[in-house]
């Protein structure tokens, strides 16, 4: 009997836009691993049963995206210190019917920000749109890197207040503020703007900032990577700001996930090329 390949994949709702299969399957092929990566679009009521049946499906690892980065935690046997600090999980390793949760989002974001974009967070002022799982990872790692001030806006005020309370309790060296509107983010005075919401993935999505908020010296980082240039990034670029999509963060968090699952060094350039070939 021919052994089945080990299965890895992404759970979320929706997931059809994801490029993760491209980079992970390219990495498996490059390292001659008998494995494949797929997409698992789950409705909320399907999440628990799916996670409890991973061994039956020959699934050894998962990435987790919107809206399940926090919802998966009660179904895991343990989570890493980083995932605990962030309060969200984006990577699951399945070993002998035990599920371990990790978070590679924050480290992936910071690696791309500092190593590829040359942005040093220390002493900087940051504006963040969104207070979900991705925003948690980004703000925790920015605080760890020594940013001076973080101001966050989200339409769900309770979720935002919970995030701010967590950040204030965990990081005494950074000032954290709540904005009650996009204008309240005071982007004009920021060094870095991060969009940590899905707004911008669809062509019909509105532009979430105004022209007057963009300025030279600002880095606008949209965690969205598909499309390659959102309306936000287009406006920022036209107004002279530096811009980045979330493709670099996707690459680095994916590399870290790959290494957690396989114990092997991720083939960075092969994974990068798989992503860039699709979007370029």
C-alpha atoms as a PDB file:
ATOM      1  CA  UNK A   1       0.000   0.000   0.000  1.00  0.00           C
ATOM      2  CA  UNK A   2       1.375   3.366  -1.051  1.00  0.00           C
ATOM      3  CA  UNK A   3       1.576   5.686   1.984  1.00  0.00           C
ATOM      4  CA  UNK A   4      -0.568   8.771   1.726  1.00  0.00           C
ATOM      5  CA  UNK A   5       1.191  12.123   1.689  1.00  0.00           C
ATOM      6  CA  UNK A   6       1.143  14.136   4.862  1.00  0.00           C
ATOM      7  CA  UNK A   7      -1.537  16.816   4.587  1.00  0.00           C
ATOM      8  CA  UNK A   8      -1.123  20.438   5.651  1.00  0.00           C
ATOM      9  CA  UNK A   9      -3.406  23.345   4.952  1.00  0.00           C
ATOM     10  CA  UNK A  10      -5.159  26.561   5.795  1.00  0.00           C
ATOM     11  CA  UNK A  11      -8.430  26.881   7.693  1.00  0.00           C
ATOM     12  CA  UNK A  12     -10.535  30.012   7.583  1.00  0.00           C
ATOM     13  CA  UNK A  13     -13.627  31.552   6.022  1.00  0.00           C
ATOM     14  CA  UNK A  14     -13.068  32.492   3.257  1.00  0.00           C
ATOM     15  CA  UNK A  15      -9.767  31.026   2.069  1.00  0.00           C
ATOM     16  CA  UNK A  16     -10.075  30.805  -1.717  1.00  0.00           C
ATOM     17  CA  UNK A  17      -7.899  33.929  -2.159  1.00  0.00           C
ATOM     18  CA  UNK A  18      -4.953  32.405  -0.309  1.00  0.00           C
ATOM     19  CA  UNK A  19      -1.550  31.952  -1.944  1.00  0.00           C
ATOM     20  CA  UNK A  20      -0.225  29.759   0.868  1.00  0.00           C
ATOM     21  CA  UNK A  21      -0.598  26.503  -1.136  1.00  0.00           C
ATOM     22  CA  UNK A  22       1.737  27.863  -3.804  1.00  0.00           C
ATOM     23  CA  UNK A  23       4.660  28.534  -1.479  1.00  0.00           C
ATOM     24  CA  UNK A  24       4.239  25.463   0.721  1.00  0.00           C
ATOM     25  CA  UNK A  25       3.787  22.998  -2.121  1.00  0.00           C
ATOM     26  CA  UNK A  26       6.828  24.504  -3.856  1.00  0.00           C
ATOM     27  CA  UNK A  27       8.809  24.024  -0.628  1.00  0.00           C
ATOM     28  CA  UNK A  28       7.650  20.410  -0.213  1.00  0.00           C
ATOM     29  CA  UNK A  29       8.662  19.664  -3.803  1.00  0.00           C
ATOM     30  CA  UNK A  30      12.047  21.366  -3.454  1.00  0.00           C
ATOM     31  CA  UNK A  31      12.903  19.318  -0.352  1.00  0.00           C
ATOM     32  CA  UNK A  32      11.423  16.117  -1.819  1.00  0.00           C
ATOM     33  CA  UNK A  33       8.900  15.761   0.991  1.00  0.00           C
ATOM     34  CA  UNK A  34       5.838  13.548   0.550  1.00  0.00           C
ATOM     35  CA  UNK A  35       3.382  16.221   1.589  1.00  0.00           C
ATOM     36  CA  UNK A  36       0.816  18.576   0.140  1.00  0.00           C
ATOM     37  CA  UNK A  37      -0.908  21.761   1.278  1.00  0.00           C
ATOM     38  CA  UNK A  38      -4.572  22.511   0.648  1.00  0.00           C
ATOM     39  CA  UNK A  39      -7.350  24.898   1.584  1.00  0.00           C
ATOM     40  CA  UNK A  40     -10.092  24.079   4.082  1.00  0.00           C
ATOM     41  CA  UNK A  41     -12.916  26.593   4.067  1.00  0.00           C
ATOM     42  CA  UNK A  42     -14.873  25.975   7.256  1.00  0.00           C
ATOM     43  CA  UNK A  43     -18.120  27.431   8.489  1.00  0.00           C
ATOM     44  CA  UNK A  44     -18.079  28.286  12.222  1.00  0.00           C
ATOM     45  CA  UNK A  45     -20.193  25.280  13.153  1.00  0.00           C
ATOM     46  CA  UNK A  46     -17.702  22.975  11.386  1.00  0.00           C
ATOM     47  CA  UNK A  47     -14.570  24.141  13.199  1.00  0.00           C
ATOM     48  CA  UNK A  48     -14.642  21.911  16.289  1.00  0.00           C
ATOM     49  CA  UNK A  49     -15.372  18.645  14.494  1.00  0.00           C
ATOM     50  CA  UNK A  50     -12.728  19.383  11.881  1.00  0.00           C
ATOM     51  CA  UNK A  51     -10.024  19.977  14.497  1.00  0.00           C
ATOM     52  CA  UNK A  52     -10.989  16.817  16.357  1.00  0.00           C
ATOM     53  CA  UNK A  53     -10.635  14.686  13.211  1.00  0.00           C
ATOM     54  CA  UNK A  54      -7.201  15.742  11.940  1.00  0.00           C
ATOM     55  CA  UNK A  55      -5.539  12.363  12.464  1.00  0.00           C
ATOM     56  CA  UNK A  56      -8.273  10.629  10.471  1.00  0.00           C
ATOM     57  CA  UNK A  57      -7.654  13.040   7.623  1.00  0.00           C
ATOM     58  CA  UNK A  58      -3.851  12.515   7.807  1.00  0.00           C
ATOM     59  CA  UNK A  59      -3.434  16.233   8.622  1.00  0.00           C
ATOM     60  CA  UNK A  60      -0.187  17.084  10.408  1.00  0.00           C
ATOM     61  CA  UNK A  61      -0.333  20.867  10.415  1.00  0.00           C
ATOM     62  CA  UNK A  62      -2.538  23.854   9.727  1.00  0.00           C
ATOM     63  CA  UNK A  63      -2.362  27.562   9.267  1.00  0.00           C
ATOM     64  CA  UNK A  64      -5.262  29.568  10.664  1.00  0.00           C
ATOM     65  CA  UNK A  65      -6.703  32.756   9.195  1.00  0.00           C
ATOM     66  CA  UNK A  66      -9.741  35.028   9.597  1.00  0.00           C
ATOM     67  CA  UNK A  67     -11.953  34.529  11.556  1.00  0.00           C
ATOM     68  CA  UNK A  68     -10.534  31.619  13.595  1.00  0.00           C
ATOM     69  CA  UNK A  69      -7.201  32.789  15.030  1.00  0.00           C
ATOM     70  CA  UNK A  70      -8.730  33.207  18.470  1.00  0.00           C
ATOM     71  CA  UNK A  71     -11.574  30.692  18.168  1.00  0.00           C
ATOM     72  CA  UNK A  72      -9.254  27.691  17.730  1.00  0.00           C
ATOM     73  CA  UNK A  73      -7.499  28.157  21.083  1.00  0.00           C
ATOM     74  CA  UNK A  74     -10.046  26.277  23.273  1.00  0.00           C
ATOM     75  CA  UNK A  75      -9.615  23.188  21.071  1.00  0.00           C
ATOM     76  CA  UNK A  76      -5.809  23.008  21.420  1.00  0.00           C
ATOM     77  CA  UNK A  77      -3.874  20.978  23.990  1.00  0.00           C
ATOM     78  CA  UNK A  78      -1.183  23.627  24.446  1.00  0.00           C
ATOM     79  CA  UNK A  79      -0.063  26.920  22.941  1.00  0.00           C
ATOM     80  CA  UNK A  80       3.382  28.484  22.716  1.00  0.00           C
ATOM     81  CA  UNK A  81       4.446  31.412  24.871  1.00  0.00           C
ATOM     82  CA  UNK A  82       4.285  33.727  21.851  1.00  0.00           C
ATOM     83  CA  UNK A  83       0.764  32.609  20.982  1.00  0.00           C
ATOM     84  CA  UNK A  84      -0.245  33.086  24.612  1.00  0.00           C
ATOM     85  CA  UNK A  85       1.173  36.589  24.720  1.00  0.00           C
ATOM     86  CA  UNK A  86      -0.548  37.507  21.467  1.00  0.00           C
ATOM     87  CA  UNK A  87      -3.787  35.727  22.303  1.00  0.00           C
ATOM     88  CA  UNK A  88      -4.114  34.295  18.816  1.00  0.00           C
ATOM     89  CA  UNK A  89      -2.906  31.234  16.898  1.00  0.00           C
ATOM     90  CA  UNK A  90      -2.036  31.083  13.213  1.00  0.00           C
ATOM     91  CA  UNK A  91      -0.182  27.734  13.146  1.00  0.00           C
ATOM     92  CA  UNK A  92      -1.221  24.343  14.495  1.00  0.00           C
ATOM     93  CA  UNK A  93       1.001  21.265  14.716  1.00  0.00           C
ATOM     94  CA  UNK A  94      -0.731  17.907  15.118  1.00  0.00           C
ATOM     95  CA  UNK A  95       1.352  15.245  16.849  1.00  0.00           C
ATOM     96  CA  UNK A  96      -0.054  11.968  18.182  1.00  0.00           C
ATOM     97  CA  UNK A  97      -3.572  13.385  18.575  1.00  0.00           C
ATOM     98  CA  UNK A  98      -2.216  16.405  20.464  1.00  0.00           C
ATOM     99  CA  UNK A  99      -2.706  19.847  18.936  1.00  0.00           C
ATOM    100  CA  UNK A 100      -0.125  22.561  19.595  1.00  0.00           C
ATOM    101  CA  UNK A 101      -0.764  26.200  18.728  1.00  0.00           C
ATOM    102  CA  UNK A 102       1.833  28.751  17.635  1.00  0.00           C
ATOM    103  CA  UNK A 103       1.836  32.263  16.245  1.00  0.00           C
ATOM    104  CA  UNK A 104       4.285  33.127  13.478  1.00  0.00           C
ATOM    105  CA  UNK A 105       2.440  36.252  12.284  1.00  0.00           C
ATOM    106  CA  UNK A 106       4.155  38.737  14.577  1.00  0.00           C
ATOM    107  CA  UNK A 107       7.655  37.405  14.016  1.00  0.00           C
ATOM    108  CA  UNK A 108       7.018  37.171  10.269  1.00  0.00           C
ATOM    109  CA  UNK A 109       5.792  40.771  10.173  1.00  0.00           C
ATOM    110  CA  UNK A 110       8.774  42.058  12.161  1.00  0.00           C
ATOM    111  CA  UNK A 111      11.301  40.129  10.063  1.00  0.00           C
ATOM    112  CA  UNK A 112       9.934  41.632   6.860  1.00  0.00           C
ATOM    113  CA  UNK A 113       9.649  45.101   8.381  1.00  0.00           C
ATOM    114  CA  UNK A 114      13.223  45.212   9.673  1.00  0.00           C
ATOM    115  CA  UNK A 115      15.195  42.905   7.371  1.00  0.00           C
ATOM    116  CA  UNK A 116      13.591  43.627   3.984  1.00  0.00           C
ATOM    117  CA  UNK A 117      12.136  47.120   4.414  1.00  0.00           C
ATOM    118  CA  UNK A 118      14.858  48.463   6.710  1.00  0.00           C
ATOM    119  CA  UNK A 119      12.354  50.007   9.129  1.00  0.00           C
ATOM    120  CA  UNK A 120      13.542  50.242  12.733  1.00  0.00           C
ATOM    121  CA  UNK A 121      10.526  50.283  15.092  1.00  0.00           C
ATOM    122  CA  UNK A 122      12.370  51.587  18.144  1.00  0.00           C
ATOM    123  CA  UNK A 123      11.028  54.961  19.249  1.00  0.00           C
ATOM    124  CA  UNK A 124       8.514  55.163  16.391  1.00  0.00           C
ATOM    125  CA  UNK A 125       4.837  56.169  16.412  1.00  0.00           C
ATOM    126  CA  UNK A 126       2.391  53.677  14.908  1.00  0.00           C
ATOM    127  CA  UNK A 127      -1.255  53.779  13.792  1.00  0.00           C
ATOM    128  CA  UNK A 128      -3.138  50.481  13.409  1.00  0.00           C
ATOM    129  CA  UNK A 129      -6.510  49.844  11.794  1.00  0.00           C
ATOM    130  CA  UNK A 130      -8.089  46.706  13.238  1.00  0.00           C
ATOM    131  CA  UNK A 131      -7.974  44.865  16.565  1.00  0.00           C
ATOM    132  CA  UNK A 132      -8.336  41.231  15.508  1.00  0.00           C
ATOM    133  CA  UNK A 133      -5.859  38.361  15.563  1.00  0.00           C
ATOM    134  CA  UNK A 134      -3.466  39.864  13.016  1.00  0.00           C
ATOM    135  CA  UNK A 135      -3.486  43.225  14.804  1.00  0.00           C
ATOM    136  CA  UNK A 136      -2.692  41.472  18.085  1.00  0.00           C
ATOM    137  CA  UNK A 137       0.386  39.816  16.573  1.00  0.00           C
ATOM    138  CA  UNK A 138       1.596  43.017  14.921  1.00  0.00           C
ATOM    139  CA  UNK A 139       1.134  45.245  17.962  1.00  0.00           C
ATOM    140  CA  UNK A 140       2.744  42.762  20.365  1.00  0.00           C
ATOM    141  CA  UNK A 141       5.847  42.466  18.203  1.00  0.00           C
ATOM    142  CA  UNK A 142       6.039  46.213  17.604  1.00  0.00           C
ATOM    143  CA  UNK A 143       5.894  46.741  21.361  1.00  0.00           C
ATOM    144  CA  UNK A 144       8.582  44.090  21.882  1.00  0.00           C
ATOM    145  CA  UNK A 145      10.710  46.003  19.357  1.00  0.00           C
ATOM    146  CA  UNK A 146      10.397  49.230  21.358  1.00  0.00           C
ATOM    147  CA  UNK A 147       7.916  51.473  19.557  1.00  0.00           C
ATOM    148  CA  UNK A 148       7.079  54.651  21.436  1.00  0.00           C
ATOM    149  CA  UNK A 149       3.343  54.904  20.780  1.00  0.00           C
ATOM    150  CA  UNK A 150       0.600  52.774  19.213  1.00  0.00           C
ATOM    151  CA  UNK A 151      -2.876  54.100  18.430  1.00  0.00           C
ATOM    152  CA  UNK A 152      -5.528  51.596  17.309  1.00  0.00           C
ATOM    153  CA  UNK A 153      -8.954  51.968  15.723  1.00  0.00           C
ATOM    154  CA  UNK A 154     -11.617  49.300  15.294  1.00  0.00           C
ATOM    155  CA  UNK A 155     -15.369  49.547  14.801  1.00  0.00           C
ATOM    156  CA  UNK A 156     -15.838  46.823  17.447  1.00  0.00           C
ATOM    157  CA  UNK A 157     -15.081  48.864  20.534  1.00  0.00           C
ATOM    158  CA  UNK A 158     -15.178  46.031  23.061  1.00  0.00           C
ATOM    159  CA  UNK A 159     -12.649  44.001  21.070  1.00  0.00           C
ATOM    160  CA  UNK A 160     -10.405  47.060  20.830  1.00  0.00           C
ATOM    161  CA  UNK A 161     -10.630  47.807  24.565  1.00  0.00           C
ATOM    162  CA  UNK A 162      -9.716  44.196  25.381  1.00  0.00           C
ATOM    163  CA  UNK A 163      -6.663  44.407  23.138  1.00  0.00           C
ATOM    164  CA  UNK A 164      -5.557  47.705  24.646  1.00  0.00           C
ATOM    165  CA  UNK A 165      -5.944  46.363  28.190  1.00  0.00           C
ATOM    166  CA  UNK A 166      -3.820  43.350  27.287  1.00  0.00           C
ATOM    167  CA  UNK A 167      -1.112  45.470  25.649  1.00  0.00           C
ATOM    168  CA  UNK A 168      -0.961  47.958  28.509  1.00  0.00           C
ATOM    169  CA  UNK A 169      -0.599  45.158  31.038  1.00  0.00           C
ATOM    170  CA  UNK A 170       2.133  43.434  29.037  1.00  0.00           C
ATOM    171  CA  UNK A 171       4.274  46.350  27.830  1.00  0.00           C
ATOM    172  CA  UNK A 172       4.987  49.248  30.169  1.00  0.00           C
ATOM    173  CA  UNK A 173       7.467  50.975  27.866  1.00  0.00           C
ATOM    174  CA  UNK A 174       4.975  51.729  25.082  1.00  0.00           C
ATOM    175  CA  UNK A 175       2.028  54.143  25.132  1.00  0.00           C
ATOM    176  CA  UNK A 176      -1.207  52.608  23.799  1.00  0.00           C
ATOM    177  CA  UNK A 177      -4.204  54.700  22.759  1.00  0.00           C
ATOM    178  CA  UNK A 178      -7.706  54.127  21.431  1.00  0.00           C
ATOM    179  CA  UNK A 179      -8.864  56.079  18.397  1.00  0.00           C
ATOM    180  CA  UNK A 180     -12.608  56.609  18.007  1.00  0.00           C
ATOM    181  CA  UNK A 181     -12.315  57.227  14.265  1.00  0.00           C
ATOM    182  CA  UNK A 182      -9.813  56.915  11.427  1.00  0.00           C
ATOM    183  CA  UNK A 183      -9.074  60.606  11.882  1.00  0.00           C
ATOM    184  CA  UNK A 184      -8.352  59.927  15.544  1.00  0.00           C
ATOM    185  CA  UNK A 185      -5.436  57.706  14.544  1.00  0.00           C
ATOM    186  CA  UNK A 186      -3.486  60.906  13.768  1.00  0.00           C
ATOM    187  CA  UNK A 187      -1.768  59.271  10.825  1.00  0.00           C
ATOM    188  CA  UNK A 188      -0.261  62.658   9.930  1.00  0.00           C
ATOM    189  CA  UNK A 189       1.995  62.298  12.979  1.00  0.00           C
ATOM    190  CA  UNK A 190       2.796  58.583  12.533  1.00  0.00           C
ATOM    191  CA  UNK A 191       5.853  56.832  11.171  1.00  0.00           C
ATOM    192  CA  UNK A 192       3.983  53.617  10.360  1.00  0.00           C
ATOM    193  CA  UNK A 193       0.376  52.843   9.395  1.00  0.00           C
ATOM    194  CA  UNK A 194      -0.747  49.207   9.443  1.00  0.00           C
ATOM    195  CA  UNK A 195      -4.016  48.007   7.959  1.00  0.00           C
ATOM    196  CA  UNK A 196      -4.812  44.808   9.859  1.00  0.00           C
ATOM    197  CA  UNK A 197      -8.343  44.431   8.475  1.00  0.00           C
ATOM    198  CA  UNK A 198      -9.607  42.615   5.360  1.00  0.00           C
ATOM    199  CA  UNK A 199     -10.910  45.928   3.975  1.00  0.00           C
ATOM    200  CA  UNK A 200      -9.274  46.284   0.581  1.00  0.00           C
ATOM    201  CA  UNK A 201      -9.383  42.659  -0.542  1.00  0.00           C
ATOM    202  CA  UNK A 202     -12.466  43.290  -2.654  1.00  0.00           C
ATOM    203  CA  UNK A 203     -12.640  45.804  -5.484  1.00  0.00           C
ATOM    204  CA  UNK A 204     -15.845  47.236  -4.015  1.00  0.00           C
ATOM    205  CA  UNK A 205     -14.240  47.915  -0.619  1.00  0.00           C
ATOM    206  CA  UNK A 206     -14.029  51.598   0.335  1.00  0.00           C
ATOM    207  CA  UNK A 207     -10.830  53.579   0.783  1.00  0.00           C
ATOM    208  CA  UNK A 208     -10.444  53.701   4.556  1.00  0.00           C
ATOM    209  CA  UNK A 209      -8.231  56.782   4.868  1.00  0.00           C
ATOM    210  CA  UNK A 210      -8.298  60.243   3.334  1.00  0.00           C
ATOM    211  CA  UNK A 211      -5.716  61.792   1.016  1.00  0.00           C
ATOM    212  CA  UNK A 212      -4.697  64.370   3.598  1.00  0.00           C
ATOM    213  CA  UNK A 213      -3.530  61.696   6.035  1.00  0.00           C
ATOM    214  CA  UNK A 214      -0.785  60.415   3.736  1.00  0.00           C
ATOM    215  CA  UNK A 215       2.640  62.034   3.948  1.00  0.00           C
ATOM    216  CA  UNK A 216       6.253  61.528   2.961  1.00  0.00           C
ATOM    217  CA  UNK A 217       8.199  59.686   5.647  1.00  0.00           C
ATOM    218  CA  UNK A 218       5.214  57.442   6.409  1.00  0.00           C
ATOM    219  CA  UNK A 219       5.401  53.697   5.759  1.00  0.00           C
ATOM    220  CA  UNK A 220       1.983  52.255   4.911  1.00  0.00           C
ATOM    221  CA  UNK A 221       1.899  48.494   5.470  1.00  0.00           C
ATOM    222  CA  UNK A 222      -1.242  46.685   4.314  1.00  0.00           C
ATOM    223  CA  UNK A 223      -1.380  43.125   5.620  1.00  0.00           C
ATOM    224  CA  UNK A 224      -3.453  42.252   2.537  1.00  0.00           C
ATOM    225  CA  UNK A 225      -1.298  40.697  -0.193  1.00  0.00           C
ATOM    226  CA  UNK A 226      -3.914  39.861  -2.819  1.00  0.00           C
ATOM    227  CA  UNK A 227      -4.494  42.179  -4.633  1.00  0.00           C
ATOM    228  CA  UNK A 228      -0.863  43.243  -4.748  1.00  0.00           C
ATOM    229  CA  UNK A 229      -1.803  46.924  -4.542  1.00  0.00           C
ATOM    230  CA  UNK A 230      -4.913  47.850  -2.573  1.00  0.00           C
ATOM    231  CA  UNK A 231      -6.629  51.221  -2.845  1.00  0.00           C
ATOM    232  CA  UNK A 232      -4.851  52.208   0.366  1.00  0.00           C
ATOM    233  CA  UNK A 233      -1.404  51.406  -1.017  1.00  0.00           C
ATOM    234  CA  UNK A 234      -2.163  53.107  -4.330  1.00  0.00           C
ATOM    235  CA  UNK A 235      -3.163  56.326  -2.569  1.00  0.00           C
ATOM    236  CA  UNK A 236      -0.158  56.169  -0.239  1.00  0.00           C
ATOM    237  CA  UNK A 237       2.264  55.636  -3.123  1.00  0.00           C
ATOM    238  CA  UNK A 238       0.760  58.506  -5.109  1.00  0.00           C
ATOM    239  CA  UNK A 239       1.158  60.802  -2.088  1.00  0.00           C
ATOM    240  CA  UNK A 240       4.825  59.947  -1.659  1.00  0.00           C
ATOM    241  CA  UNK A 241       4.599  57.533   1.272  1.00  0.00           C
ATOM    242  CA  UNK A 242       6.550  54.281   1.373  1.00  0.00           C
ATOM    243  CA  UNK A 243       4.339  51.231   0.861  1.00  0.00           C
ATOM    244  CA  UNK A 244       4.312  47.498   1.421  1.00  0.00           C
ATOM    245  CA  UNK A 245       1.751  44.778   0.911  1.00  0.00           C
ATOM    246  CA  UNK A 246       1.564  41.814   3.247  1.00  0.00           C
ATOM    247  CA  UNK A 247       3.383  39.490   0.843  1.00  0.00           C
ATOM    248  CA  UNK A 248       6.649  39.658   2.804  1.00  0.00           C
ATOM    249  CA  UNK A 249       4.850  38.913   6.059  1.00  0.00           C
ATOM    250  CA  UNK A 250       3.087  35.992   4.350  1.00  0.00           C
ATOM    251  CA  UNK A 251       6.454  34.627   3.215  1.00  0.00           C
ATOM    252  CA  UNK A 252       8.192  34.874   6.579  1.00  0.00           C
ATOM    253  CA  UNK A 253       5.286  33.570   8.664  1.00  0.00           C
ATOM    254  CA  UNK A 254       4.945  30.723   6.173  1.00  0.00           C
ATOM    255  CA  UNK A 255       8.638  29.870   6.480  1.00  0.00           C
ATOM    256  CA  UNK A 256       8.346  29.781  10.258  1.00  0.00           C
ATOM    257  CA  UNK A 257       5.236  27.561  10.067  1.00  0.00           C
ATOM    258  CA  UNK A 258       6.990  25.226   7.625  1.00  0.00           C
ATOM    259  CA  UNK A 259       9.904  24.829  10.028  1.00  0.00           C
ATOM    260  CA  UNK A 260       7.573  24.087  12.961  1.00  0.00           C
ATOM    261  CA  UNK A 261       5.850  21.324  10.972  1.00  0.00           C
ATOM    262  CA  UNK A 262       8.856  19.719   9.282  1.00  0.00           C
ATOM    263  CA  UNK A 263      11.874  20.561  11.431  1.00  0.00           C
ATOM    264  CA  UNK A 264      13.663  21.550   8.229  1.00  0.00           C
ATOM    265  CA  UNK A 265      14.982  24.928   7.079  1.00  0.00           C
ATOM    266  CA  UNK A 266      12.427  26.531   4.776  1.00  0.00           C
ATOM    267  CA  UNK A 267      13.674  27.228   1.216  1.00  0.00           C
ATOM    268  CA  UNK A 268      13.137  30.991   1.309  1.00  0.00           C
ATOM    269  CA  UNK A 269      13.840  31.918  -2.298  1.00  0.00           C
ATOM    270  CA  UNK A 270      11.782  29.052  -3.711  1.00  0.00           C
ATOM    271  CA  UNK A 271       8.829  30.050  -1.549  1.00  0.00           C
ATOM    272  CA  UNK A 272       9.272  33.731  -2.434  1.00  0.00           C
ATOM    273  CA  UNK A 273       9.395  32.966  -6.157  1.00  0.00           C
ATOM    274  CA  UNK A 274       6.214  30.880  -5.961  1.00  0.00           C
ATOM    275  CA  UNK A 275       4.392  33.867  -4.444  1.00  0.00           C
ATOM    276  CA  UNK A 276       5.866  36.518  -6.715  1.00  0.00           C
ATOM    277  CA  UNK A 277       5.252  34.514  -9.897  1.00  0.00           C
ATOM    278  CA  UNK A 278       1.549  34.458  -9.078  1.00  0.00           C
ATOM    279  CA  UNK A 279       1.211  38.178  -8.340  1.00  0.00           C
ATOM    280  CA  UNK A 280       3.690  39.669 -10.791  1.00  0.00           C
END
